[in-house]
Amino acid sequence: MHDPTPDTSLGSFAAVLAGELPGAWTSAYHRDRGGLNTHHVLTDAVWDMNEVAEALAKHPVDHCAVLQRHDGTRLFVTEQPGNAEGYLIAALAPDDVPAEAFRGVREPDGIAVDADPFSAAENITFDLLPRYYVAAHQVFKNAEHLTRESSAEERLVMTWSDGALVVDKPDRADIARVLTDHGFVLDTARAVLVLPGDDTARQAASVRATGERLSALGIDTVLRHPQTRPALDTTPVAPPATSSAPSARRR
């Protein structure tokens, strides 16, 4: 049976609340340290654009608590401002995710709860956490997409052209320097770097050395053949014409 008169001080409230939420949660109480606290690090991560954000913008946080589950999910707990009773609870945004991944994702706004950790646990479980799961899933999905895009950009394409290898002039000076160090010559008219194929053995050695140095910079090297085009004097063979007349019925 629940204690009918639970201790509702912030630290005790958070500790009891952690034991009532689904999963394995820990509670960390962050007390005031003479006004020289670092609570802004936590409040900056509060994932809310509604009631909790407004309260934090208008009232300094003297002390707070953070609940954390084994999967990294975190909840921020602080007292309601003024003379109001109860607490404000909001999710903290995931760590180690690029800011761009949050673009277009609605914040899982926090909630105000009474000073009863048991009813607060129900409100969190059926109200706040479901919104957090939806938002966090979208953020992690966006982060994966950004990672794939970044990986795709970090590669250098060498295209064969009449025995030579041609590379578009890189924007990065360090990449251009690697290419020129290994025999690529700048063609200013076409804004490309060219590795001649007069000496194929030397050309192959240059490609290997270039690939090794670029790999150390986190850049993949890709060799491609140019797309083939039909000869100017040839005409593509047209497919056989199909009759629009209805087929004769079988007798």
C-alpha atoms as a PDB file:
ATOM      1  CA  MET A   1       0.000   0.000   0.000  1.00  0.00           C
ATOM      2  CA  HIS A   2       1.223   3.484  -0.857  1.00  0.00           C
ATOM      3  CA  ASP A   3       2.238   5.791   1.977  1.00  0.00           C
ATOM      4  CA  PRO A   4      -0.789   8.119   2.368  1.00  0.00           C
ATOM      5  CA  THR A   5       1.492  11.028   3.326  1.00  0.00           C
ATOM      6  CA  PRO A   6       4.605  10.758   1.129  1.00  0.00           C
ATOM      7  CA  ASP A   7       7.492  13.202   1.570  1.00  0.00           C
ATOM      8  CA  THR A   8       6.890  15.787  -1.168  1.00  0.00           C
ATOM      9  CA  SER A   9      10.213  17.633  -1.007  1.00  0.00           C
ATOM     10  CA  LEU A  10      11.817  17.751  -4.465  1.00  0.00           C
ATOM     11  CA  GLY A  11      14.579  15.233  -3.829  1.00  0.00           C
ATOM     12  CA  SER A  12      12.304  12.718  -2.126  1.00  0.00           C
ATOM     13  CA  PHE A  13       9.545  13.253  -4.674  1.00  0.00           C
ATOM     14  CA  ALA A  14      11.940  12.510  -7.544  1.00  0.00           C
ATOM     15  CA  ALA A  15      13.345   9.433  -5.815  1.00  0.00           C
ATOM     16  CA  VAL A  16       9.899   7.923  -5.235  1.00  0.00           C
ATOM     17  CA  LEU A  17       8.810   8.875  -8.755  1.00  0.00           C
ATOM     18  CA  ALA A  18      11.796   7.039 -10.243  1.00  0.00           C
ATOM     19  CA  GLY A  19      10.630   3.839  -8.579  1.00  0.00           C
ATOM     20  CA  GLU A  20       7.103   4.192  -9.946  1.00  0.00           C
ATOM     21  CA  LEU A  21       7.956   4.700 -13.623  1.00  0.00           C
ATOM     22  CA  PRO A  22       8.136   1.750 -16.032  1.00  0.00           C
ATOM     23  CA  GLY A  23      11.674   0.452 -16.476  1.00  0.00           C
ATOM     24  CA  ALA A  24      14.792   0.973 -14.378  1.00  0.00           C
ATOM     25  CA  TRP A  25      15.238   4.664 -13.484  1.00  0.00           C
ATOM     26  CA  THR A  26      17.751   6.497 -11.304  1.00  0.00           C
ATOM     27  CA  SER A  27      17.220   9.858  -9.636  1.00  0.00           C
ATOM     28  CA  ALA A  28      19.867  12.579  -9.219  1.00  0.00           C
ATOM     29  CA  TYR A  29      19.107  15.623  -7.089  1.00  0.00           C
ATOM     30  CA  HIS A  30      20.864  18.874  -8.064  1.00  0.00           C
ATOM     31  CA  ARG A  31      20.865  21.242  -5.109  1.00  0.00           C
ATOM     32  CA  ASP A  32      21.581  24.960  -5.077  1.00  0.00           C
ATOM     33  CA  ARG A  33      25.247  25.728  -4.477  1.00  0.00           C
ATOM     34  CA  GLY A  34      25.100  29.267  -3.193  1.00  0.00           C
ATOM     35  CA  GLY A  35      23.723  30.625  -6.437  1.00  0.00           C
ATOM     36  CA  LEU A  36      26.751  29.420  -8.411  1.00  0.00           C
ATOM     37  CA  ASN A  37      25.012  26.392  -9.843  1.00  0.00           C
ATOM     38  CA  THR A  38      25.237  24.930 -13.323  1.00  0.00           C
ATOM     39  CA  HIS A  39      21.553  24.220 -13.698  1.00  0.00           C
ATOM     40  CA  HIS A  40      21.500  26.141 -16.980  1.00  0.00           C
ATOM     41  CA  VAL A  41      23.225  23.145 -18.586  1.00  0.00           C
ATOM     42  CA  LEU A  42      20.138  21.106 -17.762  1.00  0.00           C
ATOM     43  CA  THR A  43      17.528  23.775 -18.429  1.00  0.00           C
ATOM     44  CA  ASP A  44      19.039  24.425 -21.860  1.00  0.00           C
ATOM     45  CA  ALA A  45      18.328  20.781 -22.708  1.00  0.00           C
ATOM     46  CA  VAL A  46      14.691  20.867 -21.560  1.00  0.00           C
ATOM     47  CA  TRP A  47      12.658  19.733 -24.581  1.00  0.00           C
ATOM     48  CA  ASP A  48       9.661  21.994 -24.209  1.00  0.00           C
ATOM     49  CA  MET A  49       8.198  25.074 -25.886  1.00  0.00           C
ATOM     50  CA  ASN A  50       5.180  25.441 -23.657  1.00  0.00           C
ATOM     51  CA  GLU A  51       4.485  25.697 -19.929  1.00  0.00           C
ATOM     52  CA  VAL A  52       7.832  24.435 -18.637  1.00  0.00           C
ATOM     53  CA  ALA A  53       9.873  26.590 -21.027  1.00  0.00           C
ATOM     54  CA  GLU A  54       7.877  29.671 -20.043  1.00  0.00           C
ATOM     55  CA  ALA A  55       8.401  28.996 -16.335  1.00  0.00           C
ATOM     56  CA  LEU A  56      12.149  28.481 -16.791  1.00  0.00           C
ATOM     57  CA  ALA A  57      12.421  31.701 -18.791  1.00  0.00           C
ATOM     58  CA  LYS A  58      10.729  33.747 -16.069  1.00  0.00           C
ATOM     59  CA  HIS A  59      12.061  32.097 -12.896  1.00  0.00           C
ATOM     60  CA  PRO A  60      15.591  30.924 -12.013  1.00  0.00           C
ATOM     61  CA  VAL A  61      16.009  27.300 -11.000  1.00  0.00           C
ATOM     62  CA  ASP A  62      17.386  26.963  -7.468  1.00  0.00           C
ATOM     63  CA  HIS A  63      17.367  23.183  -7.434  1.00  0.00           C
ATOM     64  CA  CYS A  64      16.088  20.377  -9.625  1.00  0.00           C
ATOM     65  CA  ALA A  65      16.258  16.647 -10.184  1.00  0.00           C
ATOM     66  CA  VAL A  66      16.963  14.472 -13.202  1.00  0.00           C
ATOM     67  CA  LEU A  67      15.541  10.992 -13.686  1.00  0.00           C
ATOM     68  CA  GLN A  68      17.383   8.745 -16.113  1.00  0.00           C
ATOM     69  CA  ARG A  69      16.471   5.363 -17.532  1.00  0.00           C
ATOM     70  CA  HIS A  70      18.966   2.723 -18.691  1.00  0.00           C
ATOM     71  CA  ASP A  71      18.269   3.574 -22.362  1.00  0.00           C
ATOM     72  CA  GLY A  72      19.269   7.225 -21.914  1.00  0.00           C
ATOM     73  CA  THR A  73      15.776   8.707 -21.575  1.00  0.00           C
ATOM     74  CA  ARG A  74      15.932  11.632 -19.137  1.00  0.00           C
ATOM     75  CA  LEU A  75      13.288  13.659 -17.319  1.00  0.00           C
ATOM     76  CA  PHE A  76      13.781  17.072 -15.702  1.00  0.00           C
ATOM     77  CA  VAL A  77      11.891  17.815 -12.482  1.00  0.00           C
ATOM     78  CA  THR A  78      11.579  21.207 -10.829  1.00  0.00           C
ATOM     79  CA  GLU A  79       9.140  22.991  -8.552  1.00  0.00           C
ATOM     80  CA  GLN A  80       6.324  25.038  -9.984  1.00  0.00           C
ATOM     81  CA  PRO A  81       7.135  28.760  -9.690  1.00  0.00           C
ATOM     82  CA  GLY A  82       5.575  31.092  -7.154  1.00  0.00           C
ATOM     83  CA  ASN A  83       3.284  29.718  -4.535  1.00  0.00           C
ATOM     84  CA  ALA A  84       1.885  26.953  -6.716  1.00  0.00           C
ATOM     85  CA  GLU A  85       2.108  23.446  -5.352  1.00  0.00           C
ATOM     86  CA  GLY A  86       3.387  20.520  -7.333  1.00  0.00           C
ATOM     87  CA  TYR A  87       6.119  20.099  -9.928  1.00  0.00           C
ATOM     88  CA  LEU A  88       6.953  20.685 -13.560  1.00  0.00           C
ATOM     89  CA  ILE A  89       8.312  17.690 -15.454  1.00  0.00           C
ATOM     90  CA  ALA A  90       9.730  17.705 -18.972  1.00  0.00           C
ATOM     91  CA  ALA A  91      11.865  15.452 -21.112  1.00  0.00           C
ATOM     92  CA  LEU A  92      15.473  16.394 -21.775  1.00  0.00           C
ATOM     93  CA  ALA A  93      16.559  16.347 -25.401  1.00  0.00           C
ATOM     94  CA  PRO A  94      18.790  13.433 -26.449  1.00  0.00           C
ATOM     95  CA  ASP A  95      22.542  13.971 -26.149  1.00  0.00           C
ATOM     96  CA  ASP A  96      25.081  13.702 -28.968  1.00  0.00           C
ATOM     97  CA  VAL A  97      22.588  14.471 -31.725  1.00  0.00           C
ATOM     98  CA  PRO A  98      23.265  17.256 -34.262  1.00  0.00           C
ATOM     99  CA  ALA A  99      21.039  20.293 -33.898  1.00  0.00           C
ATOM    100  CA  GLU A 100      19.868  19.901 -37.495  1.00  0.00           C
ATOM    101  CA  ALA A 101      18.214  16.594 -36.544  1.00  0.00           C
ATOM    102  CA  PHE A 102      15.683  18.490 -34.389  1.00  0.00           C
ATOM    103  CA  ARG A 103      14.479  20.630 -37.306  1.00  0.00           C
ATOM    104  CA  GLY A 104      10.780  20.109 -37.956  1.00  0.00           C
ATOM    105  CA  VAL A 105      10.278  17.873 -34.900  1.00  0.00           C
ATOM    106  CA  ARG A 106       7.612  18.991 -32.443  1.00  0.00           C
ATOM    107  CA  GLU A 107       8.802  19.197 -28.855  1.00  0.00           C
ATOM    108  CA  PRO A 108       7.259  16.681 -26.427  1.00  0.00           C
ATOM    109  CA  ASP A 109       6.097  19.468 -24.114  1.00  0.00           C
ATOM    110  CA  GLY A 110       6.252  18.817 -20.389  1.00  0.00           C
ATOM    111  CA  ILE A 111       3.469  18.643 -17.820  1.00  0.00           C
ATOM    112  CA  ALA A 112       2.544  20.068 -14.438  1.00  0.00           C
ATOM    113  CA  VAL A 113       1.787  17.447 -11.785  1.00  0.00           C
ATOM    114  CA  ASP A 114       0.555  17.429  -8.212  1.00  0.00           C
ATOM    115  CA  ALA A 115       2.950  16.710  -5.368  1.00  0.00           C
ATOM    116  CA  ASP A 116       2.031  13.058  -5.465  1.00  0.00           C
ATOM    117  CA  PRO A 117       4.667  10.845  -7.110  1.00  0.00           C
ATOM    118  CA  PHE A 118       2.194   8.022  -7.716  1.00  0.00           C
ATOM    119  CA  SER A 119      -0.303  10.027  -9.756  1.00  0.00           C
ATOM    120  CA  ALA A 120       2.600  11.873 -11.385  1.00  0.00           C
ATOM    121  CA  ALA A 121       4.022   8.544 -12.576  1.00  0.00           C
ATOM    122  CA  GLU A 122       0.712   7.745 -14.300  1.00  0.00           C
ATOM    123  CA  ASN A 123       0.632  11.143 -16.015  1.00  0.00           C
ATOM    124  CA  ILE A 124       4.187  10.702 -17.238  1.00  0.00           C
ATOM    125  CA  THR A 125       3.634   7.137 -18.429  1.00  0.00           C
ATOM    126  CA  PHE A 126       0.459   7.829 -20.398  1.00  0.00           C
ATOM    127  CA  ASP A 127       0.992  11.457 -21.428  1.00  0.00           C
ATOM    128  CA  LEU A 128       4.588  12.725 -21.503  1.00  0.00           C
ATOM    129  CA  LEU A 129       6.540   9.574 -22.413  1.00  0.00           C
ATOM    130  CA  PRO A 130       4.435   8.650 -25.486  1.00  0.00           C
ATOM    131  CA  ARG A 131       5.058  12.122 -26.932  1.00  0.00           C
ATOM    132  CA  TYR A 132       8.734  11.809 -26.111  1.00  0.00           C
ATOM    133  CA  TYR A 133       8.996   8.448 -27.893  1.00  0.00           C
ATOM    134  CA  VAL A 134       7.466   9.883 -31.074  1.00  0.00           C
ATOM    135  CA  ALA A 135       9.721  12.952 -31.065  1.00  0.00           C
ATOM    136  CA  ALA A 136      12.886  11.042 -30.160  1.00  0.00           C
ATOM    137  CA  HIS A 137      12.252   8.447 -32.883  1.00  0.00           C
ATOM    138  CA  GLN A 138      11.995  11.207 -35.485  1.00  0.00           C
ATOM    139  CA  VAL A 139      15.138  12.936 -34.221  1.00  0.00           C
ATOM    140  CA  PHE A 140      17.200   9.737 -34.329  1.00  0.00           C
ATOM    141  CA  LYS A 141      15.836   8.983 -37.799  1.00  0.00           C
ATOM    142  CA  ASN A 142      16.860  12.470 -38.948  1.00  0.00           C
ATOM    143  CA  ALA A 143      20.304  12.015 -37.405  1.00  0.00           C
ATOM    144  CA  GLU A 144      20.814   8.756 -39.321  1.00  0.00           C
ATOM    145  CA  HIS A 145      19.809  10.474 -42.545  1.00  0.00           C
ATOM    146  CA  LEU A 146      22.247  13.316 -41.880  1.00  0.00           C
ATOM    147  CA  THR A 147      25.003  10.785 -41.187  1.00  0.00           C
ATOM    148  CA  ARG A 148      24.335   9.007 -44.473  1.00  0.00           C
ATOM    149  CA  GLU A 149      24.390  12.312 -46.348  1.00  0.00           C
ATOM    150  CA  SER A 150      27.644  13.310 -44.681  1.00  0.00           C
ATOM    151  CA  SER A 151      29.221   9.959 -45.527  1.00  0.00           C
ATOM    152  CA  ALA A 152      28.108  10.273 -49.129  1.00  0.00           C
ATOM    153  CA  GLU A 153      29.692  13.724 -49.376  1.00  0.00           C
ATOM    154  CA  GLU A 154      33.017  12.520 -47.969  1.00  0.00           C
ATOM    155  CA  ARG A 155      34.194  10.723 -51.072  1.00  0.00           C
ATOM    156  CA  LEU A 156      36.238  11.641 -54.104  1.00  0.00           C
ATOM    157  CA  VAL A 157      35.332  10.354 -57.553  1.00  0.00           C
ATOM    158  CA  MET A 158      38.027   9.674 -60.175  1.00  0.00           C
ATOM    159  CA  THR A 159      36.643   9.240 -63.695  1.00  0.00           C
ATOM    160  CA  TRP A 160      38.502   7.518 -66.526  1.00  0.00           C
ATOM    161  CA  SER A 161      38.868   9.631 -69.664  1.00  0.00           C
ATOM    162  CA  ASP A 162      41.023   8.358 -72.573  1.00  0.00           C
ATOM    163  CA  GLY A 163      43.374   6.579 -70.198  1.00  0.00           C
ATOM    164  CA  ALA A 164      43.678   9.536 -67.820  1.00  0.00           C
ATOM    165  CA  LEU A 165      41.946   9.975 -64.474  1.00  0.00           C
ATOM    166  CA  VAL A 166      39.947  13.156 -64.000  1.00  0.00           C
ATOM    167  CA  VAL A 167      38.787  14.645 -60.689  1.00  0.00           C
ATOM    168  CA  ASP A 168      36.614  17.728 -60.222  1.00  0.00           C
ATOM    169  CA  LYS A 169      38.644  20.430 -58.491  1.00  0.00           C
ATOM    170  CA  PRO A 170      37.987  19.966 -54.725  1.00  0.00           C
ATOM    171  CA  ASP A 171      36.874  22.845 -52.555  1.00  0.00           C
ATOM    172  CA  ARG A 172      39.164  21.666 -49.760  1.00  0.00           C
ATOM    173  CA  ALA A 173      42.788  22.714 -50.118  1.00  0.00           C
ATOM    174  CA  ASP A 174      44.099  19.669 -48.247  1.00  0.00           C
ATOM    175  CA  ILE A 175      42.435  17.297 -50.719  1.00  0.00           C
ATOM    176  CA  ALA A 176      43.765  19.241 -53.708  1.00  0.00           C
ATOM    177  CA  ARG A 177      47.242  19.126 -52.172  1.00  0.00           C
ATOM    178  CA  VAL A 178      47.089  15.326 -51.828  1.00  0.00           C
ATOM    179  CA  LEU A 179      46.144  15.015 -55.490  1.00  0.00           C
ATOM    180  CA  THR A 180      48.875  17.327 -56.772  1.00  0.00           C
ATOM    181  CA  ASP A 181      51.455  15.645 -54.515  1.00  0.00           C
ATOM    182  CA  HIS A 182      50.765  12.416 -56.395  1.00  0.00           C
ATOM    183  CA  GLY A 183      50.882  13.631 -59.948  1.00  0.00           C
ATOM    184  CA  PHE A 184      47.490  15.197 -60.636  1.00  0.00           C
ATOM    185  CA  VAL A 185      47.775  18.357 -62.722  1.00  0.00           C
ATOM    186  CA  LEU A 186      45.268  21.197 -62.644  1.00  0.00           C
ATOM    187  CA  ASP A 187      43.429  21.896 -65.879  1.00  0.00           C
ATOM    188  CA  THR A 188      42.278  25.455 -65.246  1.00  0.00           C
ATOM    189  CA  ALA A 189      40.113  25.580 -68.350  1.00  0.00           C
ATOM    190  CA  ARG A 190      37.922  22.693 -67.165  1.00  0.00           C
ATOM    191  CA  ALA A 191      38.448  23.217 -63.408  1.00  0.00           C
ATOM    192  CA  VAL A 192      39.557  19.596 -63.022  1.00  0.00           C
ATOM    193  CA  LEU A 193      42.672  17.743 -61.900  1.00  0.00           C
ATOM    194  CA  VAL A 194      44.092  15.203 -64.344  1.00  0.00           C
ATOM    195  CA  LEU A 195      46.394  12.232 -63.748  1.00  0.00           C
ATOM    196  CA  PRO A 196      47.899  11.288 -67.151  1.00  0.00           C
ATOM    197  CA  GLY A 197      48.031   7.647 -68.218  1.00  0.00           C
ATOM    198  CA  ASP A 198      51.309   7.741 -70.185  1.00  0.00           C
ATOM    199  CA  ASP A 199      52.933   5.473 -67.588  1.00  0.00           C
ATOM    200  CA  THR A 200      50.239   3.104 -66.340  1.00  0.00           C
ATOM    201  CA  ALA A 201      52.435   1.609 -63.595  1.00  0.00           C
ATOM    202  CA  ARG A 202      53.193   5.059 -62.218  1.00  0.00           C
ATOM    203  CA  GLN A 203      49.538   6.020 -62.584  1.00  0.00           C
ATOM    204  CA  ALA A 204      48.431   2.963 -60.576  1.00  0.00           C
ATOM    205  CA  ALA A 205      50.967   3.699 -57.832  1.00  0.00           C
ATOM    206  CA  SER A 206      49.744   7.310 -57.655  1.00  0.00           C
ATOM    207  CA  VAL A 207      46.138   6.180 -57.316  1.00  0.00           C
ATOM    208  CA  ARG A 208      47.013   3.789 -54.484  1.00  0.00           C
ATOM    209  CA  ALA A 209      49.044   6.416 -52.629  1.00  0.00           C
ATOM    210  CA  THR A 210      46.331   9.035 -53.133  1.00  0.00           C
ATOM    211  CA  GLY A 211      43.665   6.659 -51.832  1.00  0.00           C
ATOM    212  CA  GLU A 212      45.689   5.885 -48.707  1.00  0.00           C
ATOM    213  CA  ARG A 213      46.222   9.547 -47.847  1.00  0.00           C
ATOM    214  CA  LEU A 214      42.596  10.459 -48.516  1.00  0.00           C
ATOM    215  CA  SER A 215      41.443   7.515 -46.394  1.00  0.00           C
ATOM    216  CA  ALA A 216      43.462   8.955 -43.509  1.00  0.00           C
ATOM    217  CA  LEU A 217      41.391  12.119 -43.948  1.00  0.00           C
ATOM    218  CA  GLY A 218      38.179  10.079 -43.774  1.00  0.00           C
ATOM    219  CA  ILE A 219      37.493  10.291 -47.517  1.00  0.00           C
ATOM    220  CA  ASP A 220      36.684   7.328 -49.757  1.00  0.00           C
ATOM    221  CA  THR A 221      38.044   7.124 -53.293  1.00  0.00           C
ATOM    222  CA  VAL A 222      35.801   5.855 -56.088  1.00  0.00           C
ATOM    223  CA  LEU A 223      36.922   4.986 -59.646  1.00  0.00           C
ATOM    224  CA  ARG A 224      34.296   5.345 -62.346  1.00  0.00           C
ATOM    225  CA  HIS A 225      34.062   4.921 -66.081  1.00  0.00           C
ATOM    226  CA  PRO A 226      32.257   7.653 -68.022  1.00  0.00           C
ATOM    227  CA  GLN A 227      28.747   6.937 -69.182  1.00  0.00           C
ATOM    228  CA  THR A 228      28.714   5.535 -72.703  1.00  0.00           C
ATOM    229  CA  ARG A 229      26.922   7.498 -75.383  1.00  0.00           C
ATOM    230  CA  PRO A 230      25.606   6.249 -78.746  1.00  0.00           C
ATOM    231  CA  ALA A 231      27.765   7.031 -81.775  1.00  0.00           C
ATOM    232  CA  LEU A 232      26.712  10.136 -83.680  1.00  0.00           C
ATOM    233  CA  ASP A 233      26.195   8.217 -86.939  1.00  0.00           C
ATOM    234  CA  THR A 234      23.951   5.550 -85.444  1.00  0.00           C
ATOM    235  CA  THR A 235      20.232   5.675 -84.940  1.00  0.00           C
ATOM    236  CA  PRO A 236      18.581   3.718 -82.145  1.00  0.00           C
ATOM    237  CA  VAL A 237      16.525   0.834 -83.436  1.00  0.00           C
ATOM    238  CA  ALA A 238      12.861   1.524 -82.945  1.00  0.00           C
ATOM    239  CA  PRO A 239      10.822  -1.160 -81.215  1.00  0.00           C
ATOM    240  CA  PRO A 240       8.404  -3.073 -83.426  1.00  0.00           C
ATOM    241  CA  ALA A 241       5.109  -1.302 -83.899  1.00  0.00           C
ATOM    242  CA  THR A 242       2.126  -2.716 -82.171  1.00  0.00           C
ATOM    243  CA  SER A 243      -1.246  -2.780 -83.864  1.00  0.00           C
ATOM    244  CA  SER A 244      -4.050  -0.847 -82.280  1.00  0.00           C
ATOM    245  CA  ALA A 245      -6.630  -3.020 -83.968  1.00  0.00           C
ATOM    246  CA  PRO A 246      -8.416  -5.525 -81.758  1.00  0.00           C
ATOM    247  CA  SER A 247      -7.222  -9.104 -82.102  1.00  0.00           C
ATOM    248  CA  ALA A 248      -9.408 -11.536 -83.986  1.00  0.00           C
ATOM    249  CA  ARG A 249     -11.514 -13.786 -81.856  1.00  0.00           C
ATOM    250  CA  ARG A 250     -10.753 -17.468 -81.866  1.00  0.00           C
ATOM    251  CA  ARG A 251     -13.327 -19.678 -83.346  1.00  0.00           C
END
